[in-house]
């Protein structure tokens, strides 16, 4: 049984750089459709099979991603 993960992205700190989207091996992160107070479209967790690898959190320059494993 593989690990399952949960991702929380702080939308107000995300600057839409796309590093998390680019590096996610399961492609479960997408850019949102509603902009934040700074005028960026923050990344969002989409439905999918997150493994909890935390690569997204490691590559995020704003440190606005938290990952939990179940």
N, C-alpha and C. Protein backbone atom coordinates (compact mmCIF):
# COMPACT_ATOMS: atom_id res chain seq x y z
N UNK A 1 0.85 -1.18 0.00
CA UNK A 1 0.00 0.00 0.00
C UNK A 1 0.89 1.24 0.00
N UNK A 2 0.66 2.15 -0.94
CA UNK A 2 1.49 3.34 -1.04
C UNK A 2 1.00 4.42 -0.09
N UNK A 3 1.91 5.33 0.25
CA UNK A 3 1.57 6.43 1.15
C UNK A 3 0.62 7.39 0.44
N UNK A 4 -0.26 7.99 1.20
CA UNK A 4 -1.17 9.00 0.67
C UNK A 4 -0.79 10.32 1.30
N UNK A 5 -0.89 11.37 0.55
CA UNK A 5 -0.52 12.67 1.06
C UNK A 5 -1.63 13.69 0.97
N UNK A 6 -1.47 14.74 1.77
CA UNK A 6 -2.36 15.90 1.73
C UNK A 6 -1.47 17.13 1.58
N UNK A 7 -1.93 18.07 0.78
CA UNK A 7 -1.17 19.28 0.54
C UNK A 7 -2.00 20.49 0.95
N UNK A 8 -1.36 21.43 1.65
CA UNK A 8 -2.01 22.71 1.96
C UNK A 8 -1.11 23.81 1.41
N UNK A 9 -1.67 24.65 0.57
CA UNK A 9 -0.93 25.76 -0.03
C UNK A 9 -1.51 27.06 0.49
N UNK A 10 -0.66 27.91 1.08
CA UNK A 10 -1.11 29.21 1.57
C UNK A 10 -1.25 30.14 0.37
N UNK A 11 -2.47 30.34 -0.07
CA UNK A 11 -2.74 31.08 -1.31
C UNK A 11 -2.26 32.53 -1.26
N UNK A 12 -2.23 33.13 -0.10
CA UNK A 12 -1.82 34.54 -0.02
C UNK A 12 -0.31 34.73 -0.19
N UNK A 13 0.48 33.68 0.02
CA UNK A 13 1.93 33.79 -0.16
C UNK A 13 2.40 33.25 -1.50
N UNK A 14 1.58 32.47 -2.18
CA UNK A 14 1.96 31.87 -3.46
C UNK A 14 2.07 32.95 -4.53
N UNK A 15 3.17 32.90 -5.31
CA UNK A 15 3.40 33.89 -6.37
C UNK A 15 3.33 33.27 -7.76
N UNK A 16 2.68 32.13 -7.89
CA UNK A 16 2.42 31.49 -9.19
C UNK A 16 3.67 31.19 -9.99
N UNK A 17 4.76 30.84 -9.33
CA UNK A 17 5.99 30.56 -10.07
C UNK A 17 5.89 29.26 -10.86
N UNK A 18 5.07 28.31 -10.37
CA UNK A 18 4.86 27.06 -11.08
C UNK A 18 5.87 25.96 -10.79
N UNK A 19 6.83 26.21 -9.89
CA UNK A 19 7.83 25.18 -9.58
C UNK A 19 7.17 23.93 -9.02
N UNK A 20 6.19 24.09 -8.15
CA UNK A 20 5.52 22.93 -7.56
C UNK A 20 4.80 22.11 -8.63
N UNK A 21 4.17 22.80 -9.56
CA UNK A 21 3.45 22.13 -10.65
C UNK A 21 4.42 21.37 -11.53
N UNK A 22 5.53 22.02 -11.86
CA UNK A 22 6.54 21.42 -12.74
C UNK A 22 7.19 20.18 -12.13
N UNK A 23 7.43 20.20 -10.82
CA UNK A 23 8.18 19.12 -10.18
C UNK A 23 7.33 18.02 -9.56
N UNK A 24 6.02 18.20 -9.48
CA UNK A 24 5.16 17.18 -8.89
C UNK A 24 5.12 15.94 -9.78
N UNK A 25 5.58 14.78 -9.27
CA UNK A 25 5.60 13.58 -10.10
C UNK A 25 4.21 13.05 -10.45
N UNK A 26 3.21 13.35 -9.64
CA UNK A 26 1.84 12.88 -9.89
C UNK A 26 0.95 13.94 -10.54
N UNK A 27 1.48 15.15 -10.72
CA UNK A 27 0.74 16.26 -11.36
C UNK A 27 -0.60 16.53 -10.69
N UNK A 28 -0.58 16.66 -9.36
CA UNK A 28 -1.81 16.91 -8.61
C UNK A 28 -1.96 18.38 -8.19
N UNK A 29 -1.08 19.25 -8.69
CA UNK A 29 -1.15 20.67 -8.38
C UNK A 29 -1.40 21.45 -9.67
N UNK A 30 -2.31 22.40 -9.59
CA UNK A 30 -2.65 23.24 -10.75
C UNK A 30 -2.69 24.71 -10.31
N UNK A 31 -2.64 25.62 -11.28
CA UNK A 31 -2.83 27.03 -10.96
C UNK A 31 -4.31 27.30 -10.78
N UNK A 32 -4.62 28.10 -9.77
CA UNK A 32 -6.01 28.43 -9.49
C UNK A 32 -6.57 29.41 -10.50
N UNK A 33 -7.87 29.65 -10.41
CA UNK A 33 -8.55 30.55 -11.33
C UNK A 33 -8.92 31.87 -10.68
N UNK A 34 -8.70 31.98 -9.38
CA UNK A 34 -9.01 33.20 -8.65
C UNK A 34 -7.71 33.77 -8.11
N UNK A 35 -7.46 35.04 -8.36
CA UNK A 35 -6.20 35.61 -7.91
C UNK A 35 -6.24 35.98 -6.42
N UNK A 36 -5.05 36.05 -5.82
CA UNK A 36 -4.94 36.40 -4.40
C UNK A 36 -4.81 37.92 -4.25
N UNK A 37 -4.60 38.40 -3.02
CA UNK A 37 -4.54 39.84 -2.77
C UNK A 37 -3.36 40.51 -3.45
N UNK A 38 -2.32 39.75 -3.75
CA UNK A 38 -1.14 40.29 -4.43
C UNK A 38 -1.30 40.28 -5.95
N UNK A 39 -2.39 39.70 -6.45
CA UNK A 39 -2.65 39.68 -7.88
C UNK A 39 -2.13 38.46 -8.61
N UNK A 40 -1.72 37.43 -7.87
CA UNK A 40 -1.24 36.19 -8.47
C UNK A 40 -2.34 35.13 -8.45
N UNK A 41 -2.26 34.19 -9.37
CA UNK A 41 -3.15 33.03 -9.37
C UNK A 41 -2.44 31.91 -8.63
N UNK A 42 -2.76 31.67 -7.37
CA UNK A 42 -2.01 30.70 -6.57
C UNK A 42 -2.24 29.26 -6.99
N UNK A 43 -1.26 28.44 -6.72
CA UNK A 43 -1.36 27.01 -6.98
C UNK A 43 -2.40 26.40 -6.05
N UNK A 44 -3.04 25.33 -6.52
CA UNK A 44 -4.05 24.62 -5.74
C UNK A 44 -3.85 23.13 -5.89
N UNK A 45 -4.23 22.40 -4.85
CA UNK A 45 -4.22 20.94 -4.90
C UNK A 45 -5.46 20.50 -5.67
N UNK A 46 -5.26 19.73 -6.72
CA UNK A 46 -6.40 19.18 -7.46
C UNK A 46 -6.60 17.74 -7.01
N UNK A 47 -7.70 17.18 -7.38
CA UNK A 47 -7.92 15.79 -6.99
C UNK A 47 -6.87 14.90 -7.66
N UNK A 48 -6.44 13.91 -6.96
CA UNK A 48 -5.44 13.03 -7.52
C UNK A 48 -4.79 12.16 -6.47
N UNK A 49 -3.78 11.46 -6.88
CA UNK A 49 -3.10 10.50 -6.03
C UNK A 49 -1.79 11.07 -5.49
N UNK A 50 -1.88 12.01 -4.58
CA UNK A 50 -0.69 12.56 -3.94
C UNK A 50 -0.03 11.48 -3.09
N UNK A 51 1.28 11.33 -3.24
CA UNK A 51 2.01 10.32 -2.47
C UNK A 51 2.62 10.89 -1.20
N UNK A 52 2.60 12.21 -1.05
CA UNK A 52 3.21 12.84 0.12
C UNK A 52 4.71 12.94 0.01
N UNK A 53 5.24 12.97 -1.20
CA UNK A 53 6.70 13.00 -1.40
C UNK A 53 7.32 14.31 -0.94
N UNK A 54 6.55 15.40 -0.91
CA UNK A 54 6.96 16.73 -0.45
C UNK A 54 7.95 17.44 -1.37
N UNK A 55 8.09 16.98 -2.60
CA UNK A 55 8.95 17.68 -3.54
C UNK A 55 8.42 19.10 -3.76
N UNK A 56 7.12 19.25 -3.82
CA UNK A 56 6.52 20.57 -4.03
C UNK A 56 6.94 21.55 -2.93
N UNK A 57 6.93 21.09 -1.69
CA UNK A 57 7.31 21.94 -0.57
C UNK A 57 8.80 22.28 -0.61
N UNK A 58 9.61 21.35 -1.06
CA UNK A 58 11.06 21.59 -1.13
C UNK A 58 11.42 22.62 -2.20
N UNK A 59 10.72 22.63 -3.32
CA UNK A 59 11.07 23.55 -4.41
C UNK A 59 10.36 24.90 -4.31
N UNK A 60 9.42 25.05 -3.41
CA UNK A 60 8.66 26.30 -3.29
C UNK A 60 9.54 27.41 -2.70
N UNK A 61 9.83 28.47 -3.47
CA UNK A 61 10.69 29.54 -2.96
C UNK A 61 10.02 30.38 -1.87
N UNK A 62 8.70 30.34 -1.78
CA UNK A 62 7.97 31.11 -0.77
C UNK A 62 7.67 30.29 0.48
N UNK A 63 8.01 29.01 0.48
CA UNK A 63 7.76 28.10 1.61
C UNK A 63 6.30 28.16 2.05
N UNK A 64 5.39 28.13 1.09
CA UNK A 64 3.97 28.23 1.42
C UNK A 64 3.21 26.92 1.24
N UNK A 65 3.95 25.81 1.13
CA UNK A 65 3.31 24.51 0.95
C UNK A 65 3.64 23.60 2.13
N UNK A 66 2.60 23.01 2.69
CA UNK A 66 2.76 22.02 3.76
C UNK A 66 2.25 20.68 3.23
N UNK A 67 2.96 19.61 3.58
CA UNK A 67 2.58 18.27 3.12
C UNK A 67 2.48 17.35 4.33
N UNK A 68 1.40 16.56 4.37
CA UNK A 68 1.23 15.55 5.40
C UNK A 68 1.06 14.19 4.74
N UNK A 69 1.57 13.16 5.40
CA UNK A 69 1.36 11.79 4.93
C UNK A 69 0.37 11.10 5.84
N UNK A 70 -0.51 10.33 5.23
CA UNK A 70 -1.51 9.58 6.01
C UNK A 70 -1.04 8.16 6.22
